[in-house]
Amino acid sequence: MYANGKRSLHQFHCSDALWQTFQRMAEEQDRDVSELISEAMMSYAQLSGYQTDVSAIDPAAGESTPPPPQTPPPAPQSSNLVRPRLTPSTPLPPSTRLGRPSGTPGPGVGYVAPSPPPSPRNSATPDTAASGPPPLYLVFDNQKYRIDKDQFIIGRGAKSSDLPIKDGNISRKHAAVIRRNGTYFIKDLGSTNGIDFKGMRIDNKRIDEGDTFHLCDYELRFTYKR
């Protein structure tokens, strides 16, 4: 169970069948047995009218993932196409004017308008789209991970994290690397032990070249170099 934001070891007796049931539930839900037992005890306390403050039992229960940043819609591109202006040409001879020429018997010759010249190519339109922001790389445990998404989750949960760290001191969703308008930030997701940067606990920070952060005993180094 939890006490003052830290785990404390407690011993109790239960049947082997009940323990095996909790182990199977923990494997299917990708969680620890201790978390399930803590939640079961919390529910029983609430039903008995004793404990109603969820955060006092499990500080990590308030963890939430910030909504992904919204990308602004692209600005409309102005067109540089120039429409040619038709100007009157030299008067046509009588034989090509609409109707019947003067003094000529029979039906007249129809007038055919000249085709407009082709529109000029828009030389201001680039052949290739503008390149996006440079990718960010995370170096962890002698391995390099490329971060190419708007939200990269770091935590204990194997299914809910992009970088899972199997350690009881790491929260299920501990931290996130967030990309906003081409800039990367690291943010604490309400973890128990937080994020350490140069000996200080931080909530969020812009990621610069070579920044190194610590999650408990684990080092996370970021670089924009391949």
Protein backbone atom coordinates (compact mmCIF):
# COMPACT_ATOMS: atom_id res chain seq x y z
CA MET A 1 0.00 0.00 0.00
CA TYR A 2 0.99 3.66 -0.26
CA ALA A 3 1.79 6.03 2.59
CA ASN A 4 2.86 9.68 2.17
CA GLY A 5 3.67 9.05 -1.51
CA LYS A 6 5.93 6.02 -0.83
CA ARG A 7 5.37 2.32 -0.79
CA SER A 8 5.58 0.38 2.45
CA LEU A 9 5.88 -3.36 2.79
CA HIS A 10 3.03 -5.17 4.60
CA GLN A 11 2.46 -8.88 5.10
CA PHE A 12 -0.85 -10.71 5.29
CA HIS A 13 -2.22 -14.23 4.85
CA CYS A 14 -4.54 -15.28 2.04
CA SER A 15 -5.43 -18.46 0.20
CA ASP A 16 -3.22 -19.60 -2.69
CA ALA A 17 -6.20 -19.62 -5.04
CA LEU A 18 -7.00 -15.96 -4.28
CA TRP A 19 -3.36 -14.91 -4.76
CA GLN A 20 -3.21 -16.76 -8.11
CA THR A 21 -6.39 -14.97 -9.19
CA PHE A 22 -4.82 -11.55 -8.45
CA GLN A 23 -1.66 -12.56 -10.30
CA ARG A 24 -3.68 -13.51 -13.37
CA MET A 25 -5.61 -10.22 -13.21
CA ALA A 26 -2.35 -8.25 -12.94
CA GLU A 27 -0.88 -9.97 -16.02
CA GLU A 28 -4.00 -9.34 -18.10
CA GLN A 29 -4.17 -5.65 -17.07
CA ASP A 30 -0.40 -5.06 -17.29
CA ARG A 31 -0.23 -3.93 -13.65
CA ASP A 32 1.36 -4.97 -10.35
CA VAL A 33 -0.39 -7.27 -7.88
CA SER A 34 0.26 -4.70 -5.16
CA GLU A 35 -1.76 -2.09 -7.07
CA LEU A 36 -4.75 -4.40 -7.43
CA ILE A 37 -4.65 -5.35 -3.75
CA SER A 38 -4.40 -1.66 -2.77
CA GLU A 39 -7.42 -0.81 -4.91
CA ALA A 40 -9.41 -3.72 -3.46
CA MET A 41 -8.61 -2.60 0.09
CA MET A 42 -9.49 1.00 -0.82
CA SER A 43 -12.88 -0.09 -2.22
CA TYR A 44 -13.66 -2.10 0.91
CA ALA A 45 -12.72 0.88 3.12
CA GLN A 46 -15.01 3.17 1.14
CA LEU A 47 -17.90 0.71 1.33
CA SER A 48 -17.39 0.56 5.10
CA GLY A 49 -17.43 4.35 5.35
CA TYR A 50 -13.78 4.88 6.38
CA GLN A 51 -11.63 6.02 3.48
CA THR A 52 -12.91 8.27 0.71
CA ASP A 53 -9.74 10.16 -0.35
CA VAL A 54 -8.32 8.23 -3.32
CA SER A 55 -5.18 10.37 -3.59
CA ALA A 56 -4.19 9.56 -0.01
CA ILE A 57 -3.94 5.87 -0.88
CA ASP A 58 -2.61 6.00 -4.43
CA PRO A 59 -0.99 9.31 -5.46
CA ALA A 60 -0.52 7.94 -8.96
CA ALA A 61 -4.31 7.63 -9.37
CA GLY A 62 -4.46 11.24 -10.51
CA GLU A 63 -2.12 10.64 -13.39
CA SER A 64 -3.50 11.87 -16.63
CA THR A 65 -2.14 12.36 -20.06
CA PRO A 66 -2.28 15.92 -21.41
CA PRO A 67 -4.28 16.28 -24.61
CA PRO A 68 -2.13 16.25 -27.69
CA PRO A 69 -1.29 19.73 -28.99
CA GLN A 70 -3.46 20.92 -31.84
CA THR A 71 -1.65 21.70 -35.04
CA PRO A 72 -2.80 25.03 -36.54
CA PRO A 73 -4.37 24.74 -40.01
CA PRO A 74 -2.02 25.61 -42.86
CA ALA A 75 -2.22 29.17 -44.14
CA PRO A 76 -3.89 29.49 -47.54
CA GLN A 77 -1.42 29.85 -50.36
CA SER A 78 -1.84 32.83 -52.60
CA SER A 79 -1.95 32.18 -56.30
CA ASN A 80 0.47 34.12 -58.50
CA LEU A 81 -1.19 33.11 -61.74
CA VAL A 82 -1.65 36.07 -64.08
CA ARG A 83 -4.68 36.00 -66.30
CA PRO A 84 -3.85 37.43 -69.73
CA ARG A 85 -5.95 40.40 -70.74
CA LEU A 86 -7.50 40.14 -74.13
CA THR A 87 -7.05 43.27 -76.19
CA PRO A 88 -8.85 44.03 -79.42
CA SER A 89 -6.79 43.05 -82.43
CA THR A 90 -6.61 44.58 -85.88
CA PRO A 91 -10.06 44.83 -87.51
CA LEU A 92 -10.87 41.77 -89.52
CA PRO A 93 -11.32 42.01 -93.26
CA PRO A 94 -14.90 41.97 -94.53
CA SER A 95 -14.61 38.37 -95.67
CA THR A 96 -14.09 37.11 -92.10
CA ARG A 97 -16.69 39.25 -90.31
CA LEU A 98 -19.84 37.70 -88.94
CA GLY A 99 -22.68 37.73 -91.42
CA ARG A 100 -22.76 38.16 -95.17
CA PRO A 101 -20.24 40.53 -96.75
CA SER A 102 -21.61 43.46 -98.63
CA GLY A 103 -22.34 42.63 -102.23
CA THR A 104 -21.71 38.88 -101.77
CA PRO A 105 -24.63 36.54 -102.38
CA GLY A 106 -25.33 33.48 -100.24
CA PRO A 107 -24.77 32.94 -96.52
CA GLY A 108 -21.98 34.77 -94.76
CA VAL A 109 -18.80 33.28 -93.32
CA GLY A 110 -18.94 32.72 -89.53
CA TYR A 111 -16.43 34.53 -87.34
CA VAL A 112 -14.10 32.28 -85.31
CA ALA A 113 -12.61 33.90 -82.21
CA PRO A 114 -8.86 33.28 -81.71
CA SER A 115 -7.81 30.95 -78.89
CA PRO A 116 -6.37 32.74 -75.83
CA PRO A 117 -2.65 32.27 -75.21
CA PRO A 118 -1.70 29.60 -72.63
CA SER A 119 -1.45 30.79 -69.04
CA PRO A 120 2.11 31.31 -67.79
CA ARG A 121 3.49 28.81 -65.22
CA ASN A 122 3.55 29.92 -61.66
CA SER A 123 7.27 30.18 -61.04
CA ALA A 124 6.73 31.10 -57.38
CA THR A 125 5.37 27.64 -56.47
CA PRO A 126 8.17 25.47 -55.02
CA ASP A 127 8.75 22.02 -56.51
CA THR A 128 9.05 20.38 -53.09
CA ALA A 129 7.27 21.02 -49.78
CA ALA A 130 9.06 22.71 -46.93
CA SER A 131 10.88 20.33 -44.70
CA GLY A 132 9.46 19.70 -41.22
CA PRO A 133 11.19 20.07 -37.83
CA PRO A 134 14.35 18.02 -37.23
CA PRO A 135 13.76 14.68 -35.49
CA LEU A 136 14.67 14.23 -31.83
CA TYR A 137 16.60 11.22 -30.54
CA LEU A 138 16.48 9.73 -27.03
CA VAL A 139 19.53 7.81 -25.79
CA PHE A 140 18.58 5.34 -23.05
CA ASP A 141 20.44 2.25 -21.84
CA ASN A 142 22.95 2.49 -24.74
CA GLN A 143 20.10 2.50 -27.28
CA LYS A 144 18.89 5.31 -29.50
CA TYR A 145 15.16 5.95 -30.02
CA ARG A 146 13.81 8.31 -32.69
CA ILE A 147 10.90 10.47 -31.51
CA ASP A 148 8.72 11.27 -34.52
CA LYS A 149 5.28 11.72 -32.92
CA ASP A 150 3.48 14.51 -31.05
CA GLN A 151 3.44 12.60 -27.73
CA PHE A 152 6.02 10.01 -26.60
CA ILE A 153 5.13 8.32 -23.28
CA ILE A 154 7.75 7.05 -20.81
CA GLY A 155 6.57 4.86 -17.93
CA ARG A 156 6.28 1.45 -16.31
CA GLY A 157 3.30 0.19 -18.33
CA ALA A 158 4.43 -1.98 -21.23
CA LYS A 159 1.26 -1.39 -23.24
CA SER A 160 0.67 2.27 -22.37
CA SER A 161 4.29 3.50 -22.86
CA ASP A 162 6.43 4.08 -25.92
CA LEU A 163 9.51 3.55 -23.72
CA PRO A 164 8.65 1.09 -20.91
CA ILE A 165 10.91 0.98 -17.82
CA LYS A 166 10.14 -1.99 -15.56
CA ASP A 167 10.78 -0.54 -12.10
CA GLY A 168 8.40 -0.13 -9.17
CA ASN A 169 9.66 3.43 -8.58
CA ILE A 170 8.62 4.48 -12.10
CA SER A 171 4.96 5.43 -12.45
CA ARG A 172 2.78 3.69 -15.01
CA LYS A 173 2.74 6.92 -17.07
CA HIS A 174 5.69 8.83 -15.66
CA ALA A 175 6.63 11.47 -18.26
CA ALA A 176 5.94 12.51 -21.84
CA VAL A 177 7.96 14.13 -24.62
CA ILE A 178 5.57 16.54 -26.38
CA ARG A 179 6.11 18.15 -29.79
CA ARG A 180 4.44 21.55 -30.19
CA ASN A 181 4.94 23.77 -33.27
CA GLY A 182 8.23 22.04 -34.09
CA THR A 183 9.61 22.37 -30.52
CA TYR A 184 10.01 19.46 -28.09
CA PHE A 185 9.23 19.59 -24.37
CA ILE A 186 9.44 17.03 -21.54
CA LYS A 187 6.56 17.04 -19.02
CA ASP A 188 5.90 15.19 -15.76
CA LEU A 189 2.58 13.30 -15.86
CA GLY A 190 1.93 13.52 -12.12
CA SER A 191 4.45 10.81 -11.24
CA THR A 192 5.40 9.94 -7.67
CA ASN A 193 9.17 10.46 -7.98
CA GLY A 194 9.17 13.15 -10.69
CA ILE A 195 11.79 14.30 -13.22
CA ASP A 196 15.25 15.52 -12.16
CA PHE A 197 17.25 18.05 -14.21
CA LYS A 198 20.63 19.25 -12.92
CA GLY A 199 19.71 18.29 -9.37
CA MET A 200 16.30 20.00 -9.37
CA ARG A 201 12.85 18.49 -9.75
CA ILE A 202 10.98 20.02 -12.69
CA ASP A 203 7.45 19.85 -14.06
CA ASN A 204 8.25 20.63 -17.71
CA LYS A 205 11.10 22.02 -19.80
CA ARG A 206 11.98 22.67 -23.42
CA ILE A 207 14.45 20.06 -24.68
CA ASP A 208 17.71 21.54 -25.98
CA GLU A 209 20.63 19.74 -27.59
CA GLY A 210 22.40 17.45 -25.12
CA ASP A 211 19.87 17.86 -22.27
CA THR A 212 20.05 15.02 -19.73
CA PHE A 213 17.20 14.15 -17.36
CA HIS A 214 16.87 11.53 -14.62
CA LEU A 215 13.84 9.42 -13.76
CA CYS A 216 14.81 7.87 -10.42
CA ASP A 217 18.10 6.06 -11.22
CA TYR A 218 17.63 6.15 -15.00
CA GLU A 219 19.33 8.65 -17.31
CA LEU A 220 17.62 10.06 -20.41
CA ARG A 221 19.79 12.03 -22.84
CA PHE A 222 18.36 13.90 -25.84
CA THR A 223 20.08 14.96 -29.05
CA TYR A 224 19.12 16.24 -32.48
CA LYS A 225 22.18 14.63 -34.08
CA ARG A 226 21.89 11.30 -35.86
